C-alpha atoms as a PDB file:
ATOM      1  CA  MET A   1      -8.893   2.165 -15.093  1.00  0.00           C
ATOM      2  CA  SER A   2      -5.341   1.271 -15.922  1.00  0.00           C
ATOM      3  CA  GLY A   3      -2.772   2.479 -13.424  1.00  0.00           C
ATOM      4  CA  SER A   4      -0.596   3.823 -16.251  1.00  0.00           C
ATOM      5  CA  ALA A   5      -3.371   5.719 -18.080  1.00  0.00           C
ATOM      6  CA  PRO A   6      -3.106   9.030 -16.147  1.00  0.00           C
ATOM      7  CA  CYS A   7       0.684   9.135 -16.569  1.00  0.00           C
ATOM      8  CA  ALA A   8       0.497   8.360 -20.283  1.00  0.00           C
ATOM      9  CA  GLN A   9      -2.103  11.090 -20.873  1.00  0.00           C
ATOM     10  CA  TRP A  10      -0.091  13.507 -18.749  1.00  0.00           C
ATOM     11  CA  GLN A  11       3.012  12.891 -20.895  1.00  0.00           C
ATOM     12  CA  ARG A  12       1.033  13.375 -24.107  1.00  0.00           C
ATOM     13  CA  ALA A  13      -0.371  16.653 -22.766  1.00  0.00           C
ATOM     14  CA  THR A  14       2.895  18.148 -21.548  1.00  0.00           C
ATOM     15  CA  GLY A  15       5.580  16.573 -23.699  1.00  0.00           C
ATOM     16  CA  ARG A  16       8.145  16.734 -20.892  1.00  0.00           C
ATOM     17  CA  ALA A  17       8.476  16.938 -17.126  1.00  0.00           C
ATOM     18  CA  PHE A  18      11.146  18.017 -14.705  1.00  0.00           C
ATOM     19  CA  LEU A  19      10.925  18.291 -10.939  1.00  0.00           C
ATOM     20  CA  PRO A  20       9.689  21.891 -10.415  1.00  0.00           C
ATOM     21  CA  GLU A  21       6.898  21.364 -12.942  1.00  0.00           C
ATOM     22  CA  LEU A  22       6.028  18.008 -11.427  1.00  0.00           C
ATOM     23  CA  VAL A  23       5.771  19.425  -7.925  1.00  0.00           C
ATOM     24  CA  CYS A  24       3.010  21.851  -8.902  1.00  0.00           C
ATOM     25  CA  LEU A  25       1.294  19.920 -11.682  1.00  0.00           C
ATOM     26  CA  GLY A  26      -0.984  17.968  -9.360  1.00  0.00           C
ATOM     27  CA  VAL A  27      -2.095  21.134  -7.577  1.00  0.00           C
ATOM     28  CA  ILE A  28      -2.930  22.737 -10.938  1.00  0.00           C
ATOM     29  CA  ALA A  29      -4.960  19.700 -12.012  1.00  0.00           C
ATOM     30  CA  ALA A  30      -6.863  19.709  -8.724  1.00  0.00           C
ATOM     31  CA  SER A  31      -7.548  23.453  -8.982  1.00  0.00           C
ATOM     32  CA  GLY A  32      -9.155  23.223 -12.416  1.00  0.00           C
ATOM     33  CA  GLY A  33      -6.103  24.251 -14.421  1.00  0.00           C
ATOM     34  CA  ARG A  34      -5.332  27.499 -12.573  1.00  0.00           C
ATOM     35  CA  ILE A  35      -1.738  28.434 -11.879  1.00  0.00           C
ATOM     36  CA  VAL A  36      -1.603  28.732  -8.124  1.00  0.00           C
ATOM     37  CA  PRO A  37       1.300  29.234  -5.690  1.00  0.00           C
ATOM     38  CA  CYS A  38       2.161  25.728  -4.600  1.00  0.00           C
ATOM     39  CA  ALA A  39       5.863  25.817  -3.890  1.00  0.00           C
ATOM     40  CA  PRO A  40       8.505  28.161  -2.535  1.00  0.00           C
ATOM     41  CA  ASP A  41       9.728  30.912  -4.884  1.00  0.00           C
ATOM     42  CA  ASN A  42      12.963  29.079  -5.527  1.00  0.00           C
ATOM     43  CA  ILE A  43      10.927  26.198  -7.053  1.00  0.00           C
ATOM     44  CA  MET A  44       8.042  28.082  -8.721  1.00  0.00           C
ATOM     45  CA  THR A  45      10.343  29.889 -11.169  1.00  0.00           C
ATOM     46  CA  GLU A  46       9.577  31.988 -14.244  1.00  0.00           C
ATOM     47  CA  ARG A  47      10.666  29.022 -16.356  1.00  0.00           C
ATOM     48  CA  THR A  48       8.026  26.915 -14.611  1.00  0.00           C
ATOM     49  CA  LYS A  49       5.285  29.499 -15.222  1.00  0.00           C
ATOM     50  CA  THR A  50       6.255  29.735 -18.897  1.00  0.00           C
ATOM     51  CA  TRP A  51       6.082  25.960 -19.186  1.00  0.00           C
ATOM     52  CA  TYR A  52       2.578  25.980 -17.681  1.00  0.00           C
ATOM     53  CA  ALA A  53       1.371  28.686 -20.074  1.00  0.00           C
ATOM     54  CA  ALA A  54       2.290  26.467 -23.012  1.00  0.00           C
ATOM     55  CA  ALA A  55       0.812  23.312 -21.478  1.00  0.00           C
ATOM     56  CA  MET A  56      -2.417  24.720 -19.988  1.00  0.00           C
ATOM     57  CA  PRO A  57      -4.703  24.345 -23.056  1.00  0.00           C
ATOM     58  CA  ARG A  58      -4.223  20.578 -22.966  1.00  0.00           C
ATOM     59  CA  LEU A  59      -3.872  20.232 -19.181  1.00  0.00           C
ATOM     60  CA  ARG A  60      -7.348  21.750 -18.771  1.00  0.00           C
ATOM     61  CA  ARG A  61      -8.701  18.777 -20.702  1.00  0.00           C
ATOM     62  CA  PHE A  62      -7.086  16.380 -18.233  1.00  0.00           C
ATOM     63  CA  PRO A  63      -9.948  14.251 -16.772  1.00  0.00           C
ATOM     64  CA  SER A  64     -10.957  15.511 -13.347  1.00  0.00           C
ATOM     65  CA  ARG A  65     -11.238  11.970 -12.020  1.00  0.00           C
ATOM     66  CA  HIS A  66      -7.437  11.678 -12.338  1.00  0.00           C
ATOM     67  CA  SER A  67      -6.681  14.936 -10.497  1.00  0.00           C
ATOM     68  CA  CYS A  68      -6.323  13.414  -7.044  1.00  0.00           C
ATOM     69  CA  CYS A  69      -4.061  10.648  -8.400  1.00  0.00           C
ATOM     70  CA  LEU A  70      -1.872  13.220 -10.157  1.00  0.00           C
ATOM     71  CA  THR A  71      -1.664  15.366  -7.035  1.00  0.00           C
ATOM     72  CA  LEU A  72      -0.644  12.338  -5.004  1.00  0.00           C
ATOM     73  CA  LEU A  73       2.023  11.388  -7.536  1.00  0.00           C
ATOM     74  CA  ALA A  74       3.445  14.896  -7.478  1.00  0.00           C
ATOM     75  CA  LEU A  75       3.586  14.861  -3.680  1.00  0.00           C
ATOM     76  CA  CYS A  76       5.271  11.475  -3.596  1.00  0.00           C
ATOM     77  CA  LEU A  77       7.930  12.587  -6.061  1.00  0.00           C
ATOM     78  CA  TRP A  78       8.638  15.834  -4.241  1.00  0.00           C
ATOM     79  CA  GLY A  79      10.779  15.744  -1.178  1.00  0.00           C
ATOM     80  CA  PRO A  80      14.181  14.417  -0.216  1.00  0.00           C
ATOM     81  CA  ALA A  81      14.839  10.699  -0.082  1.00  0.00           C
ATOM     82  CA  LEU A  82      15.818  10.816   3.567  1.00  0.00           C
ATOM     83  CA  ALA A  83      14.981   7.169   4.202  1.00  0.00           C
ATOM     84  CA  ARG A  84      13.663   4.231   2.261  1.00  0.00           C
ATOM     85  CA  ALA A  85       9.881   4.008   1.878  1.00  0.00           C
ATOM     86  CA  ASP A  86       8.684   0.420   1.941  1.00  0.00           C
ATOM     87  CA  ALA A  87       5.574  -1.656   1.420  1.00  0.00           C
ATOM     88  CA  GLY A  88       4.273  -3.953   4.164  1.00  0.00           C
ATOM     89  CA  PRO A  89       1.926  -2.633   6.879  1.00  0.00           C
ATOM     90  CA  PRO A  90      -0.137  -0.490   6.513  1.00  0.00           C
ATOM     91  CA  TYR A  91      -0.326  -1.619   2.866  1.00  0.00           C
ATOM     92  CA  LEU A  92      -1.642  -4.811   1.274  1.00  0.00           C
ATOM     93  CA  THR A  93       1.531  -5.176  -0.801  1.00  0.00           C
ATOM     94  CA  ASN A  94       4.540  -6.746   0.913  1.00  0.00           C
ATOM     95  CA  ASP A  95       8.188  -5.775   0.440  1.00  0.00           C
ATOM     96  CA  PRO A  96      11.533  -7.633   0.649  1.00  0.00           C
ATOM     97  CA  GLY A  97      12.475  -6.053   4.001  1.00  0.00           C
ATOM     98  CA  THR A  98      13.095  -8.131   7.139  1.00  0.00           C
ATOM     99  CA  PRO A  99      13.501  -7.051  10.809  1.00  0.00           C
ATOM    100  CA  GLY A 100      17.121  -8.212  11.197  1.00  0.00           C
ATOM    101  CA  ASN A 101      18.495 -11.042  13.307  1.00  0.00           C
ATOM    102  CA  GLY A 102      16.815 -11.424  16.700  1.00  0.00           C
ATOM    103  CA  ASN A 103      14.480  -8.458  16.151  1.00  0.00           C
ATOM    104  CA  TRP A 104      10.701  -8.348  16.389  1.00  0.00           C
ATOM    105  CA  GLU A 105       8.309  -6.270  14.296  1.00  0.00           C
ATOM    106  CA  ILE A 106       4.792  -6.298  15.768  1.00  0.00           C
ATOM    107  CA  ASN A 107       1.917  -4.609  13.923  1.00  0.00           C
ATOM    108  CA  LEU A 108      -1.427  -4.114  15.682  1.00  0.00           C
ATOM    109  CA  ALA A 109      -4.222  -2.376  13.797  1.00  0.00           C
ATOM    110  CA  ALA A 110      -7.889  -1.840  13.009  1.00  0.00           C
ATOM    111  CA  MET A 111      -8.768  -2.585   9.359  1.00  0.00           C
ATOM    112  CA  PRO A 112     -12.249  -1.580   8.149  1.00  0.00           C
ATOM    113  CA  SER A 113     -13.523  -2.701   4.737  1.00  0.00           C
ATOM    114  CA  ILE A 114     -16.913  -1.348   3.659  1.00  0.00           C
ATOM    115  CA  GLY A 115     -18.908  -2.266   0.556  1.00  0.00           C
ATOM    116  CA  ARG A 116     -22.482  -2.028  -0.630  1.00  0.00           C
ATOM    117  CA  GLY A 117     -24.670  -3.549   2.077  1.00  0.00           C
ATOM    118  CA  ILE A 118     -21.784  -5.237   3.879  1.00  0.00           C
ATOM    119  CA  ALA A 119     -18.858  -4.253   6.104  1.00  0.00           C
ATOM    120  CA  SER A 120     -16.106  -6.081   7.943  1.00  0.00           C
ATOM    121  CA  TYR A 121     -13.771  -4.782  10.619  1.00  0.00           C
ATOM    122  CA  GLN A 122     -10.568  -6.509  11.645  1.00  0.00           C
ATOM    123  CA  LEU A 123     -10.349  -5.602  15.334  1.00  0.00           C
ATOM    124  CA  PRO A 124      -7.507  -6.282  15.803  1.00  0.00           C
ATOM    125  CA  GLN A 125      -5.372  -7.286  12.863  1.00  0.00           C
ATOM    126  CA  ILE A 126      -2.332  -8.982  14.420  1.00  0.00           C
ATOM    127  CA  ASP A 127       0.897  -9.281  12.426  1.00  0.00           C
ATOM    128  CA  LEU A 128       3.945 -10.769  14.208  1.00  0.00           C
ATOM    129  CA  ASN A 129       7.358 -10.874  12.495  1.00  0.00           C
ATOM    130  CA  PHE A 130      10.692 -12.199  13.780  1.00  0.00           C
ATOM    131  CA  GLY A 131      14.084 -11.860  12.099  1.00  0.00           C
ATOM    132  CA  LEU A 132      16.100 -15.057  11.695  1.00  0.00           C
ATOM    133  CA  GLY A 133      19.416 -13.877  10.350  1.00  0.00           C
ATOM    134  CA  GLU A 134      19.568 -10.759   8.193  1.00  0.00           C
ATOM    135  CA  ARG A 135      17.518 -12.063   5.251  1.00  0.00           C
ATOM    136  CA  VAL A 136      14.854 -14.338   6.734  1.00  0.00           C
ATOM    137  CA  GLN A 137      11.605 -13.376   8.467  1.00  0.00           C
ATOM    138  CA  LEU A 138       9.147 -15.641  10.290  1.00  0.00           C
ATOM    139  CA  THR A 139       5.567 -14.326  10.203  1.00  0.00           C
ATOM    140  CA  TYR A 140       2.219 -15.078  11.818  1.00  0.00           C
ATOM    141  CA  GLU A 141      -0.859 -13.025  10.884  1.00  0.00           C
ATOM    142  CA  ILE A 142      -4.418 -13.398  12.136  1.00  0.00           C
ATOM    143  CA  PRO A 143      -7.399 -11.002  12.399  1.00  0.00           C
ATOM    144  CA  TYR A 144     -10.430 -10.993  14.665  1.00  0.00           C
ATOM    145  CA  VAL A 145     -13.300  -9.990  12.366  1.00  0.00           C
ATOM    146  CA  LEU A 146     -16.560  -8.179  13.092  1.00  0.00           C
ATOM    147  CA  LYS A 147     -18.982  -8.469  10.147  1.00  0.00           C
ATOM    148  CA  THR A 148     -22.216  -6.563   9.482  1.00  0.00           C
ATOM    149  CA  GLN A 149     -24.593  -7.177   6.578  1.00  0.00           C
ATOM    150  CA  ASP A 150     -27.966  -5.751   5.600  1.00  0.00           C
ATOM    151  CA  GLY A 151     -30.753  -8.027   6.777  1.00  0.00           C
ATOM    152  CA  ALA A 152     -28.448 -10.299   8.781  1.00  0.00           C
ATOM    153  CA  PRO A 153     -27.244 -10.326  12.390  1.00  0.00           C
ATOM    154  CA  THR A 154     -23.765  -9.040  13.262  1.00  0.00           C
ATOM    155  CA  THR A 155     -21.206 -11.835  13.587  1.00  0.00           C
ATOM    156  CA  SER A 156     -17.651 -11.939  14.899  1.00  0.00           C
ATOM    157  CA  GLY A 157     -14.798 -14.379  15.353  1.00  0.00           C
ATOM    158  CA  TRP A 158     -11.246 -15.282  14.394  1.00  0.00           C
ATOM    159  CA  SER A 159     -10.593 -15.534  10.663  1.00  0.00           C
ATOM    160  CA  ASN A 160      -7.923 -17.472   8.760  1.00  0.00           C
ATOM    161  CA  ALA A 161      -4.347 -17.287  10.017  1.00  0.00           C
ATOM    162  CA  TYR A 162      -1.324 -16.820   7.745  1.00  0.00           C
ATOM    163  CA  PRO A 163       1.974 -18.249   9.015  1.00  0.00           C
ATOM    164  CA  GLY A 164       4.828 -17.769   6.577  1.00  0.00           C
ATOM    165  CA  VAL A 165       8.528 -17.344   5.874  1.00  0.00           C
ATOM    166  CA  LYS A 166      10.097 -14.506   3.873  1.00  0.00           C
ATOM    167  CA  TRP A 167      13.518 -14.932   2.274  1.00  0.00           C
ATOM    168  CA  ARG A 168      15.330 -12.022   0.627  1.00  0.00           C
ATOM    169  CA  PHE A 169      17.479 -13.936  -1.837  1.00  0.00           C
ATOM    170  CA  PHE A 170      18.932 -10.937  -3.709  1.00  0.00           C
ATOM    171  CA  ASP A 171      20.093  -7.702  -2.088  1.00  0.00           C
ATOM    172  CA  GLN A 172      22.104  -4.837  -3.614  1.00  0.00           C
ATOM    173  CA  GLY A 173      21.738  -2.699  -0.498  1.00  0.00           C
ATOM    174  CA  GLU A 174      19.786   0.505   0.108  1.00  0.00           C
ATOM    175  CA  GLY A 175      18.479   1.934  -3.141  1.00  0.00           C
ATOM    176  CA  GLY A 176      19.507  -1.108  -5.212  1.00  0.00           C
ATOM    177  CA  TRP A 177      17.515  -4.081  -6.368  1.00  0.00           C
ATOM    178  CA  GLN A 178      16.036  -6.268  -3.637  1.00  0.00           C
ATOM    179  CA  LEU A 179      14.095  -9.473  -4.335  1.00  0.00           C
ATOM    180  CA  SER A 180      12.346 -11.875  -1.999  1.00  0.00           C
ATOM    181  CA  THR A 181       9.791 -14.626  -1.858  1.00  0.00           C
ATOM    182  CA  PHE A 182       7.239 -14.846   0.944  1.00  0.00           C
ATOM    183  CA  PRO A 183       5.273 -18.134   0.954  1.00  0.00           C
ATOM    184  CA  GLN A 184       2.392 -18.147   3.423  1.00  0.00           C
ATOM    185  CA  TYR A 185      -0.096 -20.872   4.334  1.00  0.00           C
ATOM    186  CA  GLU A 186      -3.751 -19.938   4.782  1.00  0.00           C
ATOM    187  CA  THR A 187      -5.015 -22.099   7.622  1.00  0.00           C
ATOM    188  CA  ALA A 188      -8.611 -23.306   7.816  1.00  0.00           C
ATOM    189  CA  GLY A 189     -11.031 -21.171   9.795  1.00  0.00           C
ATOM    190  CA  SER A 190     -13.223 -22.702  12.473  1.00  0.00           C
ATOM    191  CA  LEU A 191     -16.505 -24.228  11.309  1.00  0.00           C
ATOM    192  CA  PRO A 192     -18.614 -21.482  13.015  1.00  0.00           C
ATOM    193  CA  ALA A 193     -16.429 -18.804  11.369  1.00  0.00           C
ATOM    194  CA  GLN A 194     -16.826 -20.477   7.976  1.00  0.00           C
ATOM    195  CA  ARG A 195     -20.600 -20.723   8.346  1.00  0.00           C
ATOM    196  CA  SER A 196     -20.752 -17.020   9.274  1.00  0.00           C
ATOM    197  CA  GLY A 197     -18.580 -15.975   6.326  1.00  0.00           C
ATOM    198  CA  LEU A 198     -15.802 -14.767   8.637  1.00  0.00           C
ATOM    199  CA  ALA A 199     -13.241 -17.257   7.354  1.00  0.00           C
ATOM    200  CA  GLY A 200     -12.644 -19.582   4.447  1.00  0.00           C
ATOM    201  CA  PRO A 201     -11.913 -23.302   4.376  1.00  0.00           C
ATOM    202  CA  GLY A 202      -8.194 -22.533   4.053  1.00  0.00           C
ATOM    203  CA  GLY A 203      -5.660 -25.141   3.114  1.00  0.00           C
ATOM    204  CA  ARG A 204      -4.064 -22.850   0.502  1.00  0.00           C
ATOM    205  CA  TRP A 205      -0.507 -21.711  -0.160  1.00  0.00           C
ATOM    206  CA  LEU A 206       0.225 -18.162  -1.289  1.00  0.00           C
ATOM    207  CA  LEU A 207       3.438 -18.007  -3.323  1.00  0.00           C
ATOM    208  CA  PRO A 208       4.459 -14.391  -4.079  1.00  0.00           C
ATOM    209  CA  VAL A 209       7.596 -12.577  -5.216  1.00  0.00           C
ATOM    210  CA  GLU A 210       8.506  -9.089  -3.968  1.00  0.00           C
ATOM    211  CA  ILE A 211      10.745  -6.574  -5.748  1.00  0.00           C
ATOM    212  CA  ALA A 212      12.013  -3.212  -4.459  1.00  0.00           C
ATOM    213  CA  ARG A 213      14.109  -0.498  -6.110  1.00  0.00           C
ATOM    214  CA  SER A 214      14.759   3.215  -5.632  1.00  0.00           C
ATOM    215  CA  VAL A 215      14.520   5.573  -8.611  1.00  0.00           C
ATOM    216  CA  GLY A 216      15.751   9.017  -7.589  1.00  0.00           C
ATOM    217  CA  PRO A 217      13.642  10.173  -4.635  1.00  0.00           C
ATOM    218  CA  LEU A 218      10.957   7.592  -5.399  1.00  0.00           C
ATOM    219  CA  ASN A 219      10.947   4.147  -3.782  1.00  0.00           C
ATOM    220  CA  LEU A 220       9.067   1.427  -5.654  1.00  0.00           C
ATOM    221  CA  ASN A 221       7.808  -1.877  -4.247  1.00  0.00           C
ATOM    222  CA  PHE A 222       6.086  -4.538  -6.348  1.00  0.00           C
ATOM    223  CA  GLU A 223       4.512  -7.862  -5.397  1.00  0.00           C
ATOM    224  CA  ALA A 224       2.791 -10.556  -7.447  1.00  0.00           C
ATOM    225  CA  GLY A 225       1.564 -13.901  -6.195  1.00  0.00           C
ATOM    226  CA  TYR A 226      -0.748 -16.836  -6.731  1.00  0.00           C
ATOM    227  CA  TYR A 227      -2.704 -19.092  -4.391  1.00  0.00           C
ATOM    228  CA  LEU A 228      -2.117 -22.795  -4.905  1.00  0.00           C
ATOM    229  CA  GLN A 229      -4.809 -25.374  -4.098  1.00  0.00           C
ATOM    230  CA  GLY A 230      -8.426 -24.520  -3.428  1.00  0.00           C
ATOM    231  CA  VAL A 231      -9.930 -21.457  -5.094  1.00  0.00           C
ATOM    232  CA  PRO A 232      -7.519 -20.060  -7.748  1.00  0.00           C
ATOM    233  CA  GLU A 233      -6.620 -16.461  -6.896  1.00  0.00           C
ATOM    234  CA  ARG A 234      -3.852 -14.062  -7.818  1.00  0.00           C
ATOM    235  CA  ILE A 235      -2.636 -10.796  -6.318  1.00  0.00           C
ATOM    236  CA  VAL A 236      -0.651  -7.871  -7.784  1.00  0.00           C
ATOM    237  CA  GLY A 237       0.422  -4.786  -5.813  1.00  0.00           C
ATOM    238  CA  LEU A 238       2.536  -1.667  -6.339  1.00  0.00           C
ATOM    239  CA  VAL A 239       3.574   0.872  -3.695  1.00  0.00           C
ATOM    240  CA  ALA A 240       5.400   4.116  -4.552  1.00  0.00           C
ATOM    241  CA  GLY A 241       6.448   6.815  -2.120  1.00  0.00           C
ATOM    242  CA  THR A 242       9.177   8.648  -0.286  1.00  0.00           C
ATOM    243  CA  ALA A 243      10.231   9.843   3.154  1.00  0.00           C
ATOM    244  CA  PHE A 244       9.457  13.564   3.462  1.00  0.00           C
ATOM    245  CA  THR A 245      11.230  13.952   6.808  1.00  0.00           C
ATOM    246  CA  PRO A 246      13.197  11.575   9.036  1.00  0.00           C
ATOM    247  CA  ARG A 247       9.865  10.860  10.816  1.00  0.00           C
ATOM    248  CA  LEU A 248       7.214  11.002   8.070  1.00  0.00           C
ATOM    249  CA  GLU A 249       6.793   8.721   5.048  1.00  0.00           C
ATOM    250  CA  LEU A 250       3.933   8.968   2.533  1.00  0.00           C
ATOM    251  CA  ASP A 251       3.030   6.429  -0.152  1.00  0.00           C
ATOM    252  CA  ALA A 252       0.402   5.454  -2.713  1.00  0.00           C
ATOM    253  CA  GLU A 253      -0.661   1.898  -3.537  1.00  0.00           C
ATOM    254  CA  LEU A 254      -2.445   0.161  -6.398  1.00  0.00           C
ATOM    255  CA  TYR A 255      -3.599  -3.370  -5.561  1.00  0.00           C
ATOM    256  CA  ASN A 256      -5.496  -6.000  -7.511  1.00  0.00           C
ATOM    257  CA  ASP A 257      -6.910  -9.178  -5.951  1.00  0.00           C
ATOM    258  CA  HIS A 258      -8.782 -11.425  -8.373  1.00  0.00           C
ATOM    259  CA  VAL A 259     -10.422 -14.805  -7.863  1.00  0.00           C
ATOM    260  CA  LEU A 260      -9.930 -16.361 -11.282  1.00  0.00           C
ATOM    261  CA  GLY A 261     -13.084 -17.309 -13.156  1.00  0.00           C
ATOM    262  CA  SER A 262     -15.345 -15.047 -11.078  1.00  0.00           C
ATOM    263  CA  SER A 263     -16.383 -11.425 -10.964  1.00  0.00           C
ATOM    264  CA  PRO A 264     -16.042  -8.660 -10.082  1.00  0.00           C
ATOM    265  CA  GLU A 265     -12.341  -7.962 -10.335  1.00  0.00           C
ATOM    266  CA  VAL A 266     -11.348  -5.579  -7.551  1.00  0.00           C
ATOM    267  CA  THR A 267      -8.589  -3.001  -7.996  1.00  0.00           C
ATOM    268  CA  THR A 268      -8.045  -0.568  -5.133  1.00  0.00           C
ATOM    269  CA  LEU A 269      -6.159   2.701  -4.803  1.00  0.00           C
ATOM    270  CA  ASP A 270      -5.046   3.882  -1.386  1.00  0.00           C
ATOM    271  CA  VAL A 271      -2.744   6.430   0.214  1.00  0.00           C
ATOM    272  CA  GLY A 272      -1.052   6.168   3.553  1.00  0.00           C
ATOM    273  CA  GLY A 273       2.107   6.526   5.521  1.00  0.00           C
ATOM    274  CA  ARG A 274       4.129   6.020   8.652  1.00  0.00           C
ATOM    275  CA  PHE A 275       4.963   8.517  11.385  1.00  0.00           C
ATOM    276  CA  LYS A 276       7.818   7.660  13.724  1.00  0.00           C
ATOM    277  CA  LEU A 277       7.025   8.566  17.332  1.00  0.00           C
ATOM    278  CA  SER A 278      10.272   6.972  18.494  1.00  0.00           C
ATOM    279  CA  PRO A 279      12.739   4.410  17.113  1.00  0.00           C
ATOM    280  CA  ALA A 280      10.560   1.667  18.600  1.00  0.00           C
ATOM    281  CA  LEU A 281       7.046   3.042  17.993  1.00  0.00           C
ATOM    282  CA  ILE A 282       5.601   4.007  14.590  1.00  0.00           C
ATOM    283  CA  LEU A 283       2.066   5.085  13.704  1.00  0.00           C
ATOM    284  CA  LEU A 284       0.635   3.377  10.604  1.00  0.00           C
ATOM    285  CA  PHE A 285      -2.245   4.761   8.537  1.00  0.00           C
ATOM    286  CA  MET A 286      -3.878   4.081   5.172  1.00  0.00           C
ATOM    287  CA  ALA A 287      -7.202   4.820   3.462  1.00  0.00           C
ATOM    288  CA  GLY A 288      -8.513   3.949   0.021  1.00  0.00           C
ATOM    289  CA  ARG A 289     -11.280   2.484  -2.107  1.00  0.00           C
ATOM    290  CA  SER A 290     -11.997   0.458  -5.203  1.00  0.00           C
ATOM    291  CA  LEU A 291     -11.534   2.006  -8.642  1.00  0.00           C
ATOM    292  CA  GLY A 292     -14.508   0.002  -9.943  1.00  0.00           C
ATOM    293  CA  GLY A 293     -17.258   2.194  -8.494  1.00  0.00           C
ATOM    294  CA  ASN A 294     -19.861   1.230  -5.896  1.00  0.00           C
ATOM    295  CA  GLY A 295     -21.210  -1.974  -7.436  1.00  0.00           C
ATOM    296  CA  ALA A 296     -21.613  -5.297  -5.694  1.00  0.00           C
ATOM    297  CA  GLY A 297     -18.310  -6.727  -4.536  1.00  0.00           C
ATOM    298  CA  GLN A 298     -16.476  -3.402  -4.796  1.00  0.00           C
ATOM    299  CA  VAL A 299     -14.821  -1.711  -1.812  1.00  0.00           C
ATOM    300  CA  GLN A 300     -16.269   1.720  -1.031  1.00  0.00           C
ATOM    301  CA  PHE A 301     -13.810   2.335   1.803  1.00  0.00           C
ATOM    302  CA  MET A 302     -10.895   0.466   3.316  1.00  0.00           C
ATOM    303  CA  GLY A 303      -8.367   1.532   5.884  1.00  0.00           C
ATOM    304  CA  TYR A 304      -5.559   0.563   8.204  1.00  0.00           C
ATOM    305  CA  PHE A 305      -4.980   2.446  11.453  1.00  0.00           C
ATOM    306  CA  GLY A 306      -2.465   1.007  13.853  1.00  0.00           C
ATOM    307  CA  VAL A 307       0.907   0.975  15.499  1.00  0.00           C
ATOM    308  CA  GLN A 308       4.193  -0.802  14.812  1.00  0.00           C
ATOM    309  CA  ILE A 309       6.335  -1.900  17.747  1.00  0.00           C
ATOM    310  CA  LEU A 310      10.000  -2.708  17.132  1.00  0.00           C
ATOM    311  CA  LEU A 311      11.946  -4.845  19.611  1.00  0.00           C
ATOM    312  CA  SER A 312      15.604  -5.871  19.481  1.00  0.00           C
ATOM    313  CA  ASN A 313      17.811  -8.368  21.301  1.00  0.00           C
ATOM    314  CA  TYR A 314      15.224 -11.171  20.879  1.00  0.00           C
ATOM    315  CA  GLY A 315      12.468  -8.981  22.304  1.00  0.00           C
ATOM    316  CA  ARG A 316      14.271  -7.984  25.480  1.00  0.00           C
ATOM    317  CA  THR A 317      14.720  -4.293  24.612  1.00  0.00           C
ATOM    318  CA  LEU A 318      12.999  -1.594  22.556  1.00  0.00           C
ATOM    319  CA  ALA A 319      14.671  -0.703  19.281  1.00  0.00           C
ATOM    320  CA  GLN A 320      17.097   2.214  19.557  1.00  0.00           C
END
C-alpha cells in the first residue's frame, strides 16, 4: 500500500480540510462514519458538523483498513508545536539532530521483531552518541540478539556493530530546513553469530541522507540511504509527529528496507513517542508491523521499549 494513498483518497472524498475537521476526521473513520464528540465544543463547531454532513456519503466508503492510519494522522496534526518532534530512537529513521558539543546521548532498549515462525529480540539494543562540536555526532550501535525459530534451538549472541559519524551540513534553525549525512560501517559479526543467523558478514558502508522540516504543527523527518559493498540494500524512512505537551511527543513512521534483487519487500508502519521524565531521562516507545500481511519475511510485530539518558559536560553531569 502506498503511503500517500489514504491521503489522496481522503482529499478526493472531502474536497478540503481545515484543522477542526481534521482533528475529528480520524475518529469518524474509526467509528464507521458516525459523527461523535471528539473535541471540545470550541473545536467541534456547527460549521464542522455541517461539513461532515456533506462529506459523510463518501467518507463512509473510506476503506476500513485505512481508519487507524487516518486517526493517527489526525492526532499527529492536532496539538500545539511545543517542541520539535524528531526521528532517531525509538524509530528506524534517523534525523539530522546531534547532542551538542561534549554531550552524550545514550539509548538502551529492548527491540522485539516477530514474523511467521521466527522471532528475534535485541536485549539490549545499545546506541551511544557523542557530540563533537554543534553539528557532528560520533555513534556506536550494537545489539545482543536472542533468536527463536520453529524447529530450531534458541540462539543468542552479539550481532553486527555500526560505528558512524553524522554531520549536519545545512541548518536553518528550529523549524527550518536541516540536512545531514550519517555514514555508518557495518562490522563483521563473529563466525558463531554468522552461522546462527544472528549477524551478517558485514564489511558494508551505509551512506544515507537525512532531511528535517517543520510544516505548521507537524514535524517531518526523512531519510534515504544505500549500502555499498556486499549485498545491495536500500532504506527509505519517514517520521511525522508533534509534541502534544512539553513532556509528551507522538509520531508515526513509514519505513522501507529492501534487499535489491530479492523478495519480499518489507514496508512497516509504526507509532511511538517519547515521554520526558526529567531533562536527563526520557522514556522511548514504539510498536508497529509490516503492511505486507503475514507472509514469509514480513514483520507481524516490531517494537522499541527503552530509555534515553542525556549527559552534559563530557559525561560528568546529567543534562539540565
